[in-house]
Amino acid sequence: MTGIKVARLLSVSCIALFAFGLFFRAVIYSRMYIAPGDPYGISDIIEFLLGWLLIGVLGVSAITAIILGIKGPRSNRVAAAWLAGIVIITALLFAPLHTLAAKFSSW
């Protein structure tokens, strides 16, 4: 697999997981059952796992961007720059958009 294809796959994975995590928090989270008196429910566990999965994909993407930036032709370095940009933007936008999605779910 070429560096451009790997970067594209990881970019799409980051964006899709980011979007699904926000969608889950805004739409599905509040509609899932939490037993009375329980401190957390299955929705909290799913959100926890989605968060760690996003962190893992972002970490793999960052490492891949560094490797692609160091090795290979110019097209790999361009793909690495795009991938690094997506990782940085996703990491910076997650906290504020997650808070906004939580507020949206309570409407």
Protein backbone atom coordinates (compact mmCIF):
# COMPACT_ATOMS: atom_id res chain seq x y z
CA MET A 1 0.00 0.00 0.00
CA THR A 2 1.40 3.38 -0.92
CA GLY A 3 1.85 6.21 1.52
CA ILE A 4 -0.96 8.22 -0.04
CA LYS A 5 -3.43 5.35 0.34
CA VAL A 6 -2.43 4.76 3.96
CA ALA A 7 -2.78 8.47 4.74
CA ARG A 8 -6.18 8.57 3.03
CA LEU A 9 -7.39 5.50 4.93
CA LEU A 10 -6.26 6.91 8.27
CA SER A 11 -7.70 10.35 7.49
CA VAL A 12 -11.09 8.89 6.66
CA SER A 13 -10.93 6.70 9.78
CA CYS A 14 -10.16 9.70 12.00
CA ILE A 15 -12.94 11.82 10.54
CA ALA A 16 -15.50 8.99 10.57
CA LEU A 17 -14.74 8.03 14.17
CA PHE A 18 -14.80 11.68 15.21
CA ALA A 19 -18.18 12.22 13.52
CA PHE A 20 -19.66 9.01 14.90
CA GLY A 21 -18.50 9.89 18.42
CA LEU A 22 -20.19 13.28 18.21
CA PHE A 23 -23.32 11.74 16.68
CA PHE A 24 -23.43 9.13 19.44
CA ARG A 25 -23.11 11.79 22.14
CA ALA A 26 -25.69 14.11 20.60
CA VAL A 27 -28.35 11.61 19.52
CA ILE A 28 -27.94 8.14 21.02
CA TYR A 29 -26.34 8.69 24.42
CA SER A 30 -29.31 10.32 26.15
CA ARG A 31 -31.76 7.73 24.83
CA MET A 32 -29.96 4.70 26.26
CA TYR A 33 -31.13 3.19 29.53
CA ILE A 34 -29.33 3.82 32.82
CA ALA A 35 -30.69 1.87 35.77
CA PRO A 36 -31.87 4.01 38.69
CA GLY A 37 -29.11 4.48 41.24
CA ASP A 38 -26.32 3.33 38.90
CA PRO A 39 -23.48 5.81 38.47
CA TYR A 40 -23.06 4.91 34.79
CA GLY A 41 -24.68 2.85 32.09
CA ILE A 42 -23.80 1.08 28.87
CA SER A 43 -23.86 4.42 27.04
CA ASP A 44 -21.00 5.65 29.22
CA ILE A 45 -18.99 2.51 28.50
CA ILE A 46 -19.60 2.84 24.75
CA GLU A 47 -18.56 6.49 24.85
CA PHE A 48 -15.44 5.58 26.84
CA LEU A 49 -14.49 2.94 24.27
CA LEU A 50 -15.17 5.30 21.36
CA GLY A 51 -12.94 7.91 22.99
CA TRP A 52 -10.08 5.48 23.46
CA LEU A 53 -10.52 4.17 19.93
CA LEU A 54 -10.30 7.74 18.61
CA ILE A 55 -7.17 8.38 20.67
CA GLY A 56 -5.64 5.18 19.29
CA VAL A 57 -6.44 6.05 15.68
CA LEU A 58 -5.12 9.58 16.17
CA GLY A 59 -1.92 8.17 17.69
CA VAL A 60 -1.38 5.72 14.84
CA SER A 61 -2.12 8.50 12.36
CA ALA A 62 0.39 10.84 14.00
CA ILE A 63 3.10 8.17 13.97
CA THR A 64 2.29 7.33 10.35
CA ALA A 65 2.45 11.02 9.40
CA ILE A 66 5.90 11.28 10.97
CA ILE A 67 7.13 8.16 9.17
CA LEU A 68 5.66 9.27 5.83
CA GLY A 69 7.21 12.70 6.30
CA ILE A 70 10.65 11.20 6.79
CA LYS A 71 10.60 8.43 4.17
CA GLY A 72 9.66 8.23 0.55
CA PRO A 73 8.97 10.62 -2.28
CA ARG A 74 7.48 14.10 -2.18
CA SER A 75 3.93 12.76 -2.53
CA ASN A 76 4.37 10.91 0.77
CA ARG A 77 5.45 14.12 2.48
CA VAL A 78 2.40 15.96 1.13
CA ALA A 79 0.14 13.13 2.33
CA ALA A 80 1.90 13.24 5.72
CA ALA A 81 1.22 16.97 6.00
CA TRP A 82 -2.48 16.47 5.24
CA LEU A 83 -2.70 13.59 7.71
CA ALA A 84 -0.94 15.60 10.42
CA GLY A 85 -3.30 18.51 9.79
CA ILE A 86 -6.33 16.25 10.18
CA VAL A 87 -4.92 14.79 13.40
CA ILE A 88 -4.27 18.24 14.86
CA ILE A 89 -7.65 19.66 13.84
CA THR A 90 -9.49 16.60 15.14
CA ALA A 91 -7.64 16.72 18.45
CA LEU A 92 -8.31 20.44 18.90
CA LEU A 93 -11.99 20.30 17.94
CA PHE A 94 -13.00 17.21 19.88
CA ALA A 95 -13.39 18.73 23.36
CA PRO A 96 -15.47 21.80 22.40
CA LEU A 97 -17.65 19.90 19.94
CA HIS A 98 -18.16 17.06 22.41
CA THR A 99 -19.37 19.58 25.01
CA LEU A 100 -21.68 21.12 22.42
CA ALA A 101 -23.03 17.68 21.49
CA ALA A 102 -23.71 16.97 25.17
CA LYS A 103 -25.67 20.21 25.46
CA PHE A 104 -27.55 19.37 22.28
CA SER A 105 -28.54 15.94 23.62
CA SER A 106 -30.23 17.47 26.65
CA TRP A 107 -32.66 19.54 24.56
